Amino acid sequence: MPIVPLPQFEADGARLEDGDREAHAALQAPRTIVVRFGLMGLVGEFPYGGTGKPGCGSKIVVRTFRGTEMGEMLTSTCPNAGCARSVTRKEMLDYIERSGGRDYPFFTEGKALRVATGDDLRRQGELDASRRDLVLRAREVIDGLGLPARVVEAEPILGGERLTFYFSSEDRVEFRDLGQQLSSAFRCRVDLRQVGARDEARLTADYEKCGQHCCCKQFLKVLKPISMKSAKDQKATLDPLKISGRCGRLMCCLRYEDQTYDTLKRRLPKRKTRVGTPDGDGTVIDTQILTQLCLVRLDEPEAGGQFRDVAVAVEALLPPRVKGPGPNWSGIPRGEGPKEEPEAEGEG
């Protein structure tokens, strides 16, 4: 049975299209554009002098410190854009400061040349398809020189000004001869960049075990170190296979809630601390950071001689009526009590 379009739906669709056209006609071309470019996800804010009206996600041809290359528009930072997703420059700089500060890969030397044309997109597609062959050819050159290195990825750019190879190596290696041979083989300027395990995952990985894109590839720009303490505080499994990412290091997401866990942990008493509860005094034997509960073993045994364990919210804890030799709960979270004033030295 053929699908017959209903007149009322067709009219609604036409009305929506007219509204979209009117809204687009009212927009002004942005004067500055924030663009993400390169395999490493570099970010730049560049002036734009074109008449086209790109939106978030539009492909933009930009001239950067590396040459002419393809980028993706993230947002605009000028007040005349008329786009609900545009941000002020202060908002963008505040985000950069919170996301790594001076270590954030942010560039302002460059220019947004134009919205990518069909020819630009086809050419970029050809370059992307050639990356695998470039890697294989570079590996042959490295094997011929006997260098202890492995080519991870190749990155040609739209303008052809340079070709970047990313490689990994356990040791620092002199790559002068390699650079000369690769420049001769590909007849262009060749840049060699050594990357570690986490940057290698950023270049080659796709999805993590959570089902999402790898954080280092999707949005993280500054990869800060992760400690095993974060996993212990969050009571995650300590099985390396379960808390390690595609790079073989501890997963970056362990840092996301680290500050929250640290703040909540400070509110809880340590184990073996004597506390008071509505059921009597006892000793803390365990705590739950997220639920803010303490497992307390009461001092008074039950009729059968068994000691009773009760779960008590941290807000319900009291100072113990009978002080013990160990730490005693004062009701003040750790790190929030009054600081002791140092004694003044007497005048001699």
C-alpha atoms as a PDB file:
ATOM      1  CA  MET A   1       0.000   0.000   0.000  1.00  0.00           C
ATOM      2  CA  PRO A   2       1.584   3.300  -1.056  1.00  0.00           C
ATOM      3  CA  ILE A   3       2.199   5.989   1.537  1.00  0.00           C
ATOM      4  CA  VAL A   4       0.001   8.988   0.832  1.00  0.00           C
ATOM      5  CA  PRO A   5       1.273  12.322   2.243  1.00  0.00           C
ATOM      6  CA  LEU A   6      -1.350  14.033   4.377  1.00  0.00           C
ATOM      7  CA  PRO A   7      -2.030  17.666   3.426  1.00  0.00           C
ATOM      8  CA  GLN A   8      -1.876  18.956   7.018  1.00  0.00           C
ATOM      9  CA  PHE A   9       1.590  17.448   7.550  1.00  0.00           C
ATOM     10  CA  GLU A  10       2.837  18.806   4.234  1.00  0.00           C
ATOM     11  CA  ALA A  11       1.631  22.283   5.200  1.00  0.00           C
ATOM     12  CA  ASP A  12       3.339  22.074   8.603  1.00  0.00           C
ATOM     13  CA  GLY A  13       6.592  20.985   6.966  1.00  0.00           C
ATOM     14  CA  ALA A  14       6.488  23.839   4.473  1.00  0.00           C
ATOM     15  CA  ARG A  15       5.846  26.294   7.297  1.00  0.00           C
ATOM     16  CA  LEU A  16       8.851  25.021   9.247  1.00  0.00           C
ATOM     17  CA  GLU A  17      11.103  25.254   6.184  1.00  0.00           C
ATOM     18  CA  ASP A  18      10.004  28.847   5.596  1.00  0.00           C
ATOM     19  CA  GLY A  19      10.763  29.663   9.229  1.00  0.00           C
ATOM     20  CA  ASP A  20      14.233  28.131   8.961  1.00  0.00           C
ATOM     21  CA  ARG A  21      14.968  30.108   5.801  1.00  0.00           C
ATOM     22  CA  GLU A  22      13.870  33.349   7.441  1.00  0.00           C
ATOM     23  CA  ALA A  23      15.981  32.649  10.533  1.00  0.00           C
ATOM     24  CA  HIS A  24      19.033  31.868   8.391  1.00  0.00           C
ATOM     25  CA  ALA A  25      18.521  35.029   6.324  1.00  0.00           C
ATOM     26  CA  ALA A  26      18.482  37.095   9.532  1.00  0.00           C
ATOM     27  CA  LEU A  27      21.859  35.712  10.642  1.00  0.00           C
ATOM     28  CA  GLN A  28      25.031  37.663   9.981  1.00  0.00           C
ATOM     29  CA  ALA A  29      28.318  36.077   8.995  1.00  0.00           C
ATOM     30  CA  PRO A  30      30.556  35.704  12.075  1.00  0.00           C
ATOM     31  CA  ARG A  31      33.749  37.748  12.310  1.00  0.00           C
ATOM     32  CA  THR A  32      35.666  35.248  14.468  1.00  0.00           C
ATOM     33  CA  ILE A  33      35.383  31.469  14.476  1.00  0.00           C
ATOM     34  CA  VAL A  34      36.668  28.824  16.880  1.00  0.00           C
ATOM     35  CA  VAL A  35      37.903  25.835  14.877  1.00  0.00           C
ATOM     36  CA  ARG A  36      39.175  22.367  15.775  1.00  0.00           C
ATOM     37  CA  PHE A  37      41.806  21.073  13.364  1.00  0.00           C
ATOM     38  CA  GLY A  38      44.358  18.292  13.025  1.00  0.00           C
ATOM     39  CA  LEU A  39      44.391  14.696  14.221  1.00  0.00           C
ATOM     40  CA  MET A  40      45.436  15.856  17.704  1.00  0.00           C
ATOM     41  CA  GLY A  41      42.336  18.047  18.010  1.00  0.00           C
ATOM     42  CA  LEU A  42      44.088  21.424  18.162  1.00  0.00           C
ATOM     43  CA  VAL A  43      41.842  24.444  18.734  1.00  0.00           C
ATOM     44  CA  GLY A  44      42.204  27.929  17.279  1.00  0.00           C
ATOM     45  CA  GLU A  45      40.292  31.200  17.174  1.00  0.00           C
ATOM     46  CA  PHE A  46      40.663  32.783  13.753  1.00  0.00           C
ATOM     47  CA  PRO A  47      39.218  35.862  12.021  1.00  0.00           C
ATOM     48  CA  TYR A  48      36.727  35.191   9.247  1.00  0.00           C
ATOM     49  CA  GLY A  49      36.046  37.605   6.411  1.00  0.00           C
ATOM     50  CA  GLY A  50      33.789  35.522   4.188  1.00  0.00           C
ATOM     51  CA  THR A  51      30.134  36.122   3.384  1.00  0.00           C
ATOM     52  CA  GLY A  52      29.016  32.560   4.073  1.00  0.00           C
ATOM     53  CA  LYS A  53      27.212  31.760   7.310  1.00  0.00           C
ATOM     54  CA  PRO A  54      28.799  28.624   8.758  1.00  0.00           C
ATOM     55  CA  GLY A  55      27.285  26.967  11.786  1.00  0.00           C
ATOM     56  CA  CYS A  56      28.580  24.668  14.492  1.00  0.00           C
ATOM     57  CA  GLY A  57      29.978  21.542  12.842  1.00  0.00           C
ATOM     58  CA  SER A  58      30.593  23.206   9.462  1.00  0.00           C
ATOM     59  CA  LYS A  59      33.808  22.261   7.673  1.00  0.00           C
ATOM     60  CA  ILE A  60      36.097  25.280   7.345  1.00  0.00           C
ATOM     61  CA  VAL A  61      39.321  25.709   5.377  1.00  0.00           C
ATOM     62  CA  VAL A  62      41.802  27.490   7.649  1.00  0.00           C
ATOM     63  CA  ARG A  63      45.377  28.697   7.382  1.00  0.00           C
ATOM     64  CA  THR A  64      47.298  27.743  10.514  1.00  0.00           C
ATOM     65  CA  PHE A  65      50.953  27.640  11.538  1.00  0.00           C
ATOM     66  CA  ARG A  66      51.130  24.284   9.737  1.00  0.00           C
ATOM     67  CA  GLY A  67      49.656  25.450   6.427  1.00  0.00           C
ATOM     68  CA  THR A  68      46.244  25.252   4.769  1.00  0.00           C
ATOM     69  CA  GLU A  69      44.099  22.540   6.295  1.00  0.00           C
ATOM     70  CA  MET A  70      40.558  21.421   7.001  1.00  0.00           C
ATOM     71  CA  GLY A  71      38.920  22.229  10.320  1.00  0.00           C
ATOM     72  CA  GLU A  72      35.566  21.952  12.019  1.00  0.00           C
ATOM     73  CA  MET A  73      33.751  24.978  13.404  1.00  0.00           C
ATOM     74  CA  LEU A  74      33.051  24.652  17.131  1.00  0.00           C
ATOM     75  CA  THR A  75      31.472  28.033  17.839  1.00  0.00           C
ATOM     76  CA  SER A  76      31.828  31.747  17.139  1.00  0.00           C
ATOM     77  CA  THR A  77      33.075  34.336  19.609  1.00  0.00           C
ATOM     78  CA  CYS A  78      31.634  37.546  18.187  1.00  0.00           C
ATOM     79  CA  PRO A  79      28.383  39.217  19.304  1.00  0.00           C
ATOM     80  CA  ASN A  80      26.979  39.671  15.801  1.00  0.00           C
ATOM     81  CA  ALA A  81      26.721  35.991  14.887  1.00  0.00           C
ATOM     82  CA  GLY A  82      23.101  35.619  15.984  1.00  0.00           C
ATOM     83  CA  CYS A  83      23.652  31.940  16.801  1.00  0.00           C
ATOM     84  CA  ALA A  84      22.335  30.660  20.109  1.00  0.00           C
ATOM     85  CA  ARG A  85      25.472  28.516  20.462  1.00  0.00           C
ATOM     86  CA  SER A  86      27.937  31.385  20.134  1.00  0.00           C
ATOM     87  CA  VAL A  87      29.929  32.258  23.247  1.00  0.00           C
ATOM     88  CA  THR A  88      31.769  35.351  24.345  1.00  0.00           C
ATOM     89  CA  ARG A  89      35.533  35.399  24.232  1.00  0.00           C
ATOM     90  CA  LYS A  90      35.651  35.631  28.026  1.00  0.00           C
ATOM     91  CA  GLU A  91      33.560  32.460  28.335  1.00  0.00           C
ATOM     92  CA  MET A  92      35.899  30.668  25.953  1.00  0.00           C
ATOM     93  CA  LEU A  93      39.041  31.830  27.772  1.00  0.00           C
ATOM     94  CA  ASP A  94      37.525  30.837  31.123  1.00  0.00           C
ATOM     95  CA  TYR A  95      36.864  27.360  29.720  1.00  0.00           C
ATOM     96  CA  ILE A  96      40.451  27.104  28.466  1.00  0.00           C
ATOM     97  CA  GLU A  97      41.795  28.196  31.861  1.00  0.00           C
ATOM     98  CA  ARG A  98      39.750  25.512  33.627  1.00  0.00           C
ATOM     99  CA  SER A  99      40.751  22.879  31.063  1.00  0.00           C
ATOM    100  CA  GLY A 100      44.513  23.196  31.289  1.00  0.00           C
ATOM    101  CA  GLY A 101      45.483  26.855  31.086  1.00  0.00           C
ATOM    102  CA  ARG A 102      48.775  27.384  29.308  1.00  0.00           C
ATOM    103  CA  ASP A 103      49.022  23.696  28.447  1.00  0.00           C
ATOM    104  CA  TYR A 104      45.788  23.855  26.418  1.00  0.00           C
ATOM    105  CA  PRO A 105      46.576  23.611  22.656  1.00  0.00           C
ATOM    106  CA  PHE A 106      44.969  26.946  21.690  1.00  0.00           C
ATOM    107  CA  PHE A 107      46.173  29.083  18.774  1.00  0.00           C
ATOM    108  CA  THR A 108      45.255  32.520  17.455  1.00  0.00           C
ATOM    109  CA  GLU A 109      47.790  32.917  14.638  1.00  0.00           C
ATOM    110  CA  GLY A 110      45.871  31.983  11.533  1.00  0.00           C
ATOM    111  CA  LYS A 111      42.804  32.762   9.470  1.00  0.00           C
ATOM    112  CA  ALA A 112      39.550  31.088   8.489  1.00  0.00           C
ATOM    113  CA  LEU A 113      39.691  31.256   4.693  1.00  0.00           C
ATOM    114  CA  ARG A 114      36.331  29.900   3.574  1.00  0.00           C
ATOM    115  CA  VAL A 115      33.576  27.409   4.135  1.00  0.00           C
ATOM    116  CA  ALA A 116      34.759  24.134   2.607  1.00  0.00           C
ATOM    117  CA  THR A 117      33.563  23.560  -0.948  1.00  0.00           C
ATOM    118  CA  GLY A 118      32.728  20.248  -2.571  1.00  0.00           C
ATOM    119  CA  ASP A 119      36.212  20.133  -4.111  1.00  0.00           C
ATOM    120  CA  ASP A 120      37.782  20.757  -0.693  1.00  0.00           C
ATOM    121  CA  LEU A 121      35.804  17.911   0.862  1.00  0.00           C
ATOM    122  CA  ARG A 122      36.693  15.513  -1.967  1.00  0.00           C
ATOM    123  CA  ARG A 123      40.371  16.400  -1.697  1.00  0.00           C
ATOM    124  CA  GLN A 124      40.308  15.908   2.079  1.00  0.00           C
ATOM    125  CA  GLY A 125      38.655  12.529   1.584  1.00  0.00           C
ATOM    126  CA  GLU A 126      41.467  11.495  -0.753  1.00  0.00           C
ATOM    127  CA  LEU A 127      44.079  12.603   1.792  1.00  0.00           C
ATOM    128  CA  ASP A 128      42.382  10.651   4.576  1.00  0.00           C
ATOM    129  CA  ALA A 129      42.291   7.559   2.370  1.00  0.00           C
ATOM    130  CA  SER A 130      46.030   7.876   1.663  1.00  0.00           C
ATOM    131  CA  ARG A 131      47.096   7.927   5.322  1.00  0.00           C
ATOM    132  CA  ARG A 132      47.348   4.153   5.625  1.00  0.00           C
ATOM    133  CA  ASP A 133      49.646   3.912   2.604  1.00  0.00           C
ATOM    134  CA  LEU A 134      51.800   6.751   3.951  1.00  0.00           C
ATOM    135  CA  VAL A 135      52.234   4.910   7.255  1.00  0.00           C
ATOM    136  CA  LEU A 136      53.282   1.696   5.500  1.00  0.00           C
ATOM    137  CA  ARG A 137      55.819   3.498   3.309  1.00  0.00           C
ATOM    138  CA  ALA A 138      57.289   5.300   6.325  1.00  0.00           C
ATOM    139  CA  ARG A 139      57.589   2.001   8.202  1.00  0.00           C
ATOM    140  CA  GLU A 140      59.588   0.549   5.311  1.00  0.00           C
ATOM    141  CA  VAL A 141      62.025   3.466   5.517  1.00  0.00           C
ATOM    142  CA  ILE A 142      62.372   3.051   9.304  1.00  0.00           C
ATOM    143  CA  ASP A 143      62.988  -0.690   8.963  1.00  0.00           C
ATOM    144  CA  GLY A 144      65.652   0.017   6.360  1.00  0.00           C
ATOM    145  CA  LEU A 145      67.459   2.353   8.764  1.00  0.00           C
ATOM    146  CA  GLY A 146      67.101  -0.091  11.653  1.00  0.00           C
ATOM    147  CA  LEU A 147      65.613   2.511  13.992  1.00  0.00           C
ATOM    148  CA  PRO A 148      63.808   1.339  17.168  1.00  0.00           C
ATOM    149  CA  ALA A 149      60.614   3.254  16.401  1.00  0.00           C
ATOM    150  CA  ARG A 150      57.112   2.549  15.148  1.00  0.00           C
ATOM    151  CA  VAL A 151      55.043   4.897  12.983  1.00  0.00           C
ATOM    152  CA  VAL A 152      51.613   5.376  14.549  1.00  0.00           C
ATOM    153  CA  GLU A 153      49.858   7.734  12.146  1.00  0.00           C
ATOM    154  CA  ALA A 154      50.435  10.033   9.183  1.00  0.00           C
ATOM    155  CA  GLU A 155      48.751  13.408   8.702  1.00  0.00           C
ATOM    156  CA  PRO A 156      48.792  15.151   5.324  1.00  0.00           C
ATOM    157  CA  ILE A 157      47.090  18.552   5.160  1.00  0.00           C
ATOM    158  CA  LEU A 158      44.906  20.104   2.493  1.00  0.00           C
ATOM    159  CA  GLY A 159      47.463  22.576   1.152  1.00  0.00           C
ATOM    160  CA  GLY A 160      50.257  20.002   0.928  1.00  0.00           C
ATOM    161  CA  GLU A 161      52.759  22.267   2.712  1.00  0.00           C
ATOM    162  CA  ARG A 162      53.847  19.551   5.129  1.00  0.00           C
ATOM    163  CA  LEU A 163      53.370  15.939   6.100  1.00  0.00           C
ATOM    164  CA  THR A 164      53.441  14.971   9.779  1.00  0.00           C
ATOM    165  CA  PHE A 165      54.339  11.505  11.029  1.00  0.00           C
ATOM    166  CA  TYR A 166      53.589  10.487  14.612  1.00  0.00           C
ATOM    167  CA  PHE A 167      55.799   7.733  15.979  1.00  0.00           C
ATOM    168  CA  SER A 168      56.375   5.965  19.271  1.00  0.00           C
ATOM    169  CA  SER A 169      59.650   4.767  20.713  1.00  0.00           C
ATOM    170  CA  GLU A 170      60.839   3.637  24.111  1.00  0.00           C
ATOM    171  CA  ASP A 171      64.065   5.610  23.716  1.00  0.00           C
ATOM    172  CA  ARG A 172      64.981   8.973  22.338  1.00  0.00           C
ATOM    173  CA  VAL A 173      66.277   8.402  18.807  1.00  0.00           C
ATOM    174  CA  GLU A 174      68.106  10.660  16.363  1.00  0.00           C
ATOM    175  CA  PHE A 175      65.767  11.034  13.391  1.00  0.00           C
ATOM    176  CA  ARG A 176      67.784  13.384  11.179  1.00  0.00           C
ATOM    177  CA  ASP A 177      68.509  10.746   8.523  1.00  0.00           C
ATOM    178  CA  LEU A 178      64.921   9.511   8.680  1.00  0.00           C
ATOM    179  CA  GLY A 179      63.548  13.020   8.150  1.00  0.00           C
ATOM    180  CA  GLN A 180      65.792  13.557   5.137  1.00  0.00           C
ATOM    181  CA  GLN A 181      64.828  10.251   3.530  1.00  0.00           C
ATOM    182  CA  LEU A 182      61.113  10.815   4.112  1.00  0.00           C
ATOM    183  CA  SER A 183      61.328  14.342   2.699  1.00  0.00           C
ATOM    184  CA  SER A 184      63.004  12.973  -0.423  1.00  0.00           C
ATOM    185  CA  ALA A 185      60.477  10.147  -0.760  1.00  0.00           C
ATOM    186  CA  PHE A 186      57.376  12.331  -0.393  1.00  0.00           C
ATOM    187  CA  ARG A 187      58.846  15.534  -1.887  1.00  0.00           C
ATOM    188  CA  CYS A 188      57.497  17.811   0.806  1.00  0.00           C
ATOM    189  CA  ARG A 189      58.386  19.055   4.245  1.00  0.00           C
ATOM    190  CA  VAL A 190      58.135  16.223   6.768  1.00  0.00           C
ATOM    191  CA  ASP A 191      57.661  16.737  10.498  1.00  0.00           C
ATOM    192  CA  LEU A 192      58.377  13.897  12.929  1.00  0.00           C
ATOM    193  CA  ARG A 193      56.622  13.956  16.281  1.00  0.00           C
ATOM    194  CA  GLN A 194      57.234  11.433  19.044  1.00  0.00           C
ATOM    195  CA  VAL A 195      54.146  10.564  21.111  1.00  0.00           C
ATOM    196  CA  GLY A 196      53.579   8.600  24.297  1.00  0.00           C
ATOM    197  CA  ALA A 197      51.067   5.855  24.991  1.00  0.00           C
ATOM    198  CA  ARG A 198      48.202   8.217  25.829  1.00  0.00           C
ATOM    199  CA  ASP A 199      48.684  10.382  22.739  1.00  0.00           C
ATOM    200  CA  GLU A 200      48.913   7.203  20.658  1.00  0.00           C
ATOM    201  CA  ALA A 201      45.486   6.197  21.971  1.00  0.00           C
ATOM    202  CA  ARG A 202      44.201   9.667  21.086  1.00  0.00           C
ATOM    203  CA  LEU A 203      45.338   9.134  17.502  1.00  0.00           C
ATOM    204  CA  THR A 204      44.227   5.547  16.939  1.00  0.00           C
ATOM    205  CA  ALA A 205      41.577   4.539  19.518  1.00  0.00           C
ATOM    206  CA  ASP A 206      37.844   4.851  19.035  1.00  0.00           C
ATOM    207  CA  TYR A 207      35.530   3.571  21.792  1.00  0.00           C
ATOM    208  CA  GLU A 208      36.137   2.731  25.432  1.00  0.00           C
ATOM    209  CA  LYS A 209      34.554  -0.052  27.475  1.00  0.00           C
ATOM    210  CA  CYS A 210      31.849   2.405  28.654  1.00  0.00           C
ATOM    211  CA  GLY A 211      30.534   2.600  25.080  1.00  0.00           C
ATOM    212  CA  GLN A 212      31.552   6.239  24.582  1.00  0.00           C
ATOM    213  CA  HIS A 213      34.331   7.700  22.462  1.00  0.00           C
ATOM    214  CA  CYS A 214      37.671   7.781  24.257  1.00  0.00           C
ATOM    215  CA  CYS A 215      37.825  10.973  26.316  1.00  0.00           C
ATOM    216  CA  CYS A 216      41.319  11.789  25.042  1.00  0.00           C
ATOM    217  CA  LYS A 217      40.033  11.679  21.474  1.00  0.00           C
ATOM    218  CA  GLN A 218      36.683  13.356  22.063  1.00  0.00           C
ATOM    219  CA  PHE A 219      37.376  16.388  24.257  1.00  0.00           C
ATOM    220  CA  LEU A 220      40.359  16.081  26.612  1.00  0.00           C
ATOM    221  CA  LYS A 221      43.268  18.250  25.465  1.00  0.00           C
ATOM    222  CA  VAL A 222      45.535  18.206  28.519  1.00  0.00           C
ATOM    223  CA  LEU A 223      46.208  14.670  29.747  1.00  0.00           C
ATOM    224  CA  LYS A 224      47.078  14.988  33.426  1.00  0.00           C
ATOM    225  CA  PRO A 225      48.548  12.090  35.429  1.00  0.00           C
ATOM    226  CA  ILE A 226      46.213   9.702  37.256  1.00  0.00           C
ATOM    227  CA  SER A 227      47.171   8.040  40.535  1.00  0.00           C
ATOM    228  CA  MET A 228      46.061   4.722  41.982  1.00  0.00           C
ATOM    229  CA  LYS A 229      44.796   6.708  44.988  1.00  0.00           C
ATOM    230  CA  SER A 230      41.871   7.924  42.858  1.00  0.00           C
ATOM    231  CA  ALA A 231      40.794   4.339  42.177  1.00  0.00           C
ATOM    232  CA  LYS A 232      41.143   3.414  45.853  1.00  0.00           C
ATOM    233  CA  ASP A 233      39.155   6.437  47.052  1.00  0.00           C
ATOM    234  CA  GLN A 234      36.352   5.649  44.612  1.00  0.00           C
ATOM    235  CA  LYS A 235      36.498   1.997  45.682  1.00  0.00           C
ATOM    236  CA  ALA A 236      36.828   0.932  42.078  1.00  0.00           C
ATOM    237  CA  THR A 237      38.190  -2.494  41.326  1.00  0.00           C
ATOM    238  CA  LEU A 238      41.972  -2.575  41.419  1.00  0.00           C
ATOM    239  CA  ASP A 239      42.127  -5.062  38.549  1.00  0.00           C
ATOM    240  CA  PRO A 240      44.433  -3.313  36.021  1.00  0.00           C
ATOM    241  CA  LEU A 241      42.439  -4.705  33.094  1.00  0.00           C
ATOM    242  CA  LYS A 242      39.261  -3.009  34.329  1.00  0.00           C
ATOM    243  CA  ILE A 243      40.621   0.403  35.301  1.00  0.00           C
ATOM    244  CA  SER A 244      43.085   0.830  32.421  1.00  0.00           C
ATOM    245  CA  GLY A 245      42.182   2.574  29.180  1.00  0.00           C
ATOM    246  CA  ARG A 246      43.122   1.873  25.591  1.00  0.00           C
ATOM    247  CA  CYS A 247      46.565   3.341  26.268  1.00  0.00           C
ATOM    248  CA  GLY A 248      47.290   0.838  29.037  1.00  0.00           C
ATOM    249  CA  ARG A 249      47.361   3.619  31.646  1.00  0.00           C
ATOM    250  CA  LEU A 250      44.755   4.367  34.318  1.00  0.00           C
ATOM    251  CA  MET A 251      41.566   5.710  32.740  1.00  0.00           C
ATOM    252  CA  CYS A 252      41.288   9.505  32.596  1.00  0.00           C
ATOM    253  CA  CYS A 253      37.704   9.404  33.881  1.00  0.00           C
ATOM    254  CA  LEU A 254      39.013   8.494  37.340  1.00  0.00           C
ATOM    255  CA  ARG A 255      39.969  12.168  37.688  1.00  0.00           C
ATOM    256  CA  TYR A 256      36.497  13.525  36.946  1.00  0.00           C
ATOM    257  CA  GLU A 257      35.056  12.829  40.384  1.00  0.00           C
ATOM    258  CA  ASP A 258      38.333  12.850  42.294  1.00  0.00           C
ATOM    259  CA  GLN A 259      37.739  16.266  43.864  1.00  0.00           C
ATOM    260  CA  THR A 260      34.177  15.357  44.856  1.00  0.00           C
ATOM    261  CA  TYR A 261      35.319  12.103  46.450  1.00  0.00           C
ATOM    262  CA  ASP A 262      38.088  13.937  48.295  1.00  0.00           C
ATOM    263  CA  THR A 263      35.613  16.513  49.677  1.00  0.00           C
ATOM    264  CA  LEU A 264      33.123  13.843  50.748  1.00  0.00           C
ATOM    265  CA  LYS A 265      35.864  11.684  52.244  1.00  0.00           C
ATOM    266  CA  ARG A 266      36.971  14.550  54.490  1.00  0.00           C
ATOM    267  CA  ARG A 267      33.493  14.638  56.032  1.00  0.00           C
ATOM    268  CA  LEU A 268      33.781  11.058  57.243  1.00  0.00           C
ATOM    269  CA  PRO A 269      35.658   9.864  60.323  1.00  0.00           C
ATOM    270  CA  LYS A 270      38.600   7.544  59.820  1.00  0.00           C
ATOM    271  CA  ARG A 271      38.409   3.895  60.743  1.00  0.00           C
ATOM    272  CA  LYS A 272      38.926   3.086  64.447  1.00  0.00           C
ATOM    273  CA  THR A 273      37.540   6.501  65.406  1.00  0.00           C
ATOM    274  CA  ARG A 274      35.287   6.477  68.465  1.00  0.00           C
ATOM    275  CA  VAL A 275      31.905   8.072  67.814  1.00  0.00           C
ATOM    276  CA  GLY A 276      28.558   8.494  69.462  1.00  0.00           C
ATOM    277  CA  THR A 277      25.339   7.243  67.835  1.00  0.00           C
ATOM    278  CA  PRO A 278      21.651   7.228  68.805  1.00  0.00           C
ATOM    279  CA  ASP A 279      22.229   3.589  69.872  1.00  0.00           C
ATOM    280  CA  GLY A 280      25.292   4.342  71.986  1.00  0.00           C
ATOM    281  CA  ASP A 281      29.042   4.761  71.613  1.00  0.00           C
ATOM    282  CA  GLY A 282      31.056   2.658  69.221  1.00  0.00           C
ATOM    283  CA  THR A 283      33.995   2.450  66.838  1.00  0.00           C
ATOM    284  CA  VAL A 284      33.939   3.116  63.094  1.00  0.00           C
ATOM    285  CA  ILE A 285      34.867  -0.021  61.158  1.00  0.00           C
ATOM    286  CA  ASP A 286      33.958   1.096  57.613  1.00  0.00           C
ATOM    287  CA  THR A 287      32.628   4.068  55.626  1.00  0.00           C
ATOM    288  CA  GLN A 288      30.804   4.664  52.343  1.00  0.00           C
ATOM    289  CA  ILE A 289      31.923   7.875  50.650  1.00  0.00           C
ATOM    290  CA  LEU A 290      29.028   8.465  48.245  1.00  0.00           C
ATOM    291  CA  THR A 291      26.213   7.557  50.642  1.00  0.00           C
ATOM    292  CA  GLN A 292      28.006   9.279  53.549  1.00  0.00           C
ATOM    293  CA  LEU A 293      27.310   6.326  55.848  1.00  0.00           C
ATOM    294  CA  CYS A 294      29.497   4.947  58.626  1.00  0.00           C
ATOM    295  CA  LEU A 295      29.419   1.362  59.851  1.00  0.00           C
ATOM    296  CA  VAL A 296      29.833   1.536  63.626  1.00  0.00           C
ATOM    297  CA  ARG A 297      30.458  -1.399  65.973  1.00  0.00           C
ATOM    298  CA  LEU A 298      28.738  -0.590  69.270  1.00  0.00           C
ATOM    299  CA  ASP A 299      30.578  -0.962  72.573  1.00  0.00           C
ATOM    300  CA  GLU A 300      27.743  -2.708  74.385  1.00  0.00           C
ATOM    301  CA  PRO A 301      27.293  -6.369  73.365  1.00  0.00           C
ATOM    302  CA  GLU A 302      23.844  -7.850  72.858  1.00  0.00           C
ATOM    303  CA  ALA A 303      22.303 -10.564  75.021  1.00  0.00           C
ATOM    304  CA  GLY A 304      24.186 -13.335  73.233  1.00  0.00           C
ATOM    305  CA  GLY A 305      27.526 -11.578  73.606  1.00  0.00           C
ATOM    306  CA  GLN A 306      27.604 -10.502  69.958  1.00  0.00           C
ATOM    307  CA  PHE A 307      28.589  -6.925  69.141  1.00  0.00           C
ATOM    308  CA  ARG A 308      26.085  -5.115  66.934  1.00  0.00           C
ATOM    309  CA  ASP A 309      27.062  -3.152  63.822  1.00  0.00           C
ATOM    310  CA  VAL A 310      24.852  -0.209  62.825  1.00  0.00           C
ATOM    311  CA  ALA A 311      24.931   2.043  59.756  1.00  0.00           C
ATOM    312  CA  VAL A 312      24.733   5.702  60.720  1.00  0.00           C
ATOM    313  CA  ALA A 313      24.638   8.796  58.506  1.00  0.00           C
ATOM    314  CA  VAL A 314      27.541  11.137  59.160  1.00  0.00           C
ATOM    315  CA  GLU A 315      25.081  13.899  60.110  1.00  0.00           C
ATOM    316  CA  ALA A 316      23.771  11.724  62.947  1.00  0.00           C
ATOM    317  CA  LEU A 317      27.169  11.073  64.516  1.00  0.00           C
ATOM    318  CA  LEU A 318      27.877  12.612  67.923  1.00  0.00           C
ATOM    319  CA  PRO A 319      30.988  13.000  70.051  1.00  0.00           C
ATOM    320  CA  PRO A 320      31.370   9.835  72.156  1.00  0.00           C
ATOM    321  CA  ARG A 321      30.250   9.999  75.769  1.00  0.00           C
ATOM    322  CA  VAL A 322      33.246   7.893  76.798  1.00  0.00           C
ATOM    323  CA  LYS A 323      36.554   8.964  75.277  1.00  0.00           C
ATOM    324  CA  GLY A 324      38.927   6.284  74.056  1.00  0.00           C
ATOM    325  CA  PRO A 325      42.700   6.119  73.653  1.00  0.00           C
ATOM    326  CA  GLY A 326      42.434   6.460  69.867  1.00  0.00           C
ATOM    327  CA  PRO A 327      40.910   9.255  67.766  1.00  0.00           C
ATOM    328  CA  ASN A 328      37.565  10.567  69.009  1.00  0.00           C
ATOM    329  CA  TRP A 329      34.908  12.110  66.765  1.00  0.00           C
ATOM    330  CA  SER A 330      34.455  15.827  67.398  1.00  0.00           C
ATOM    331  CA  GLY A 331      31.651  16.381  64.899  1.00  0.00           C
ATOM    332  CA  ILE A 332      33.848  18.642  62.743  1.00  0.00           C
ATOM    333  CA  PRO A 333      34.833  17.276  59.297  1.00  0.00           C
ATOM    334  CA  ARG A 334      38.537  16.802  58.689  1.00  0.00           C
ATOM    335  CA  GLY A 335      40.206  19.911  57.345  1.00  0.00           C
ATOM    336  CA  GLU A 336      37.359  22.189  58.499  1.00  0.00           C
ATOM    337  CA  GLY A 337      38.232  22.614  62.159  1.00  0.00           C
ATOM    338  CA  PRO A 338      39.859  25.721  63.635  1.00  0.00           C
ATOM    339  CA  LYS A 339      43.563  25.937  63.013  1.00  0.00           C
ATOM    340  CA  GLU A 340      45.820  26.024  66.031  1.00  0.00           C
ATOM    341  CA  GLU A 341      47.627  29.334  66.421  1.00  0.00           C
ATOM    342  CA  PRO A 342      51.390  28.963  66.807  1.00  0.00           C
ATOM    343  CA  GLU A 343      52.725  30.080  70.144  1.00  0.00           C
ATOM    344  CA  ALA A 344      54.491  33.429  70.086  1.00  0.00           C
ATOM    345  CA  GLU A 345      58.143  33.323  70.956  1.00  0.00           C
ATOM    346  CA  GLY A 346      59.007  35.216  74.129  1.00  0.00           C
ATOM    347  CA  GLU A 347      61.225  38.243  73.938  1.00  0.00           C
ATOM    348  CA  GLY A 348      64.755  37.527  74.986  1.00  0.00           C
END
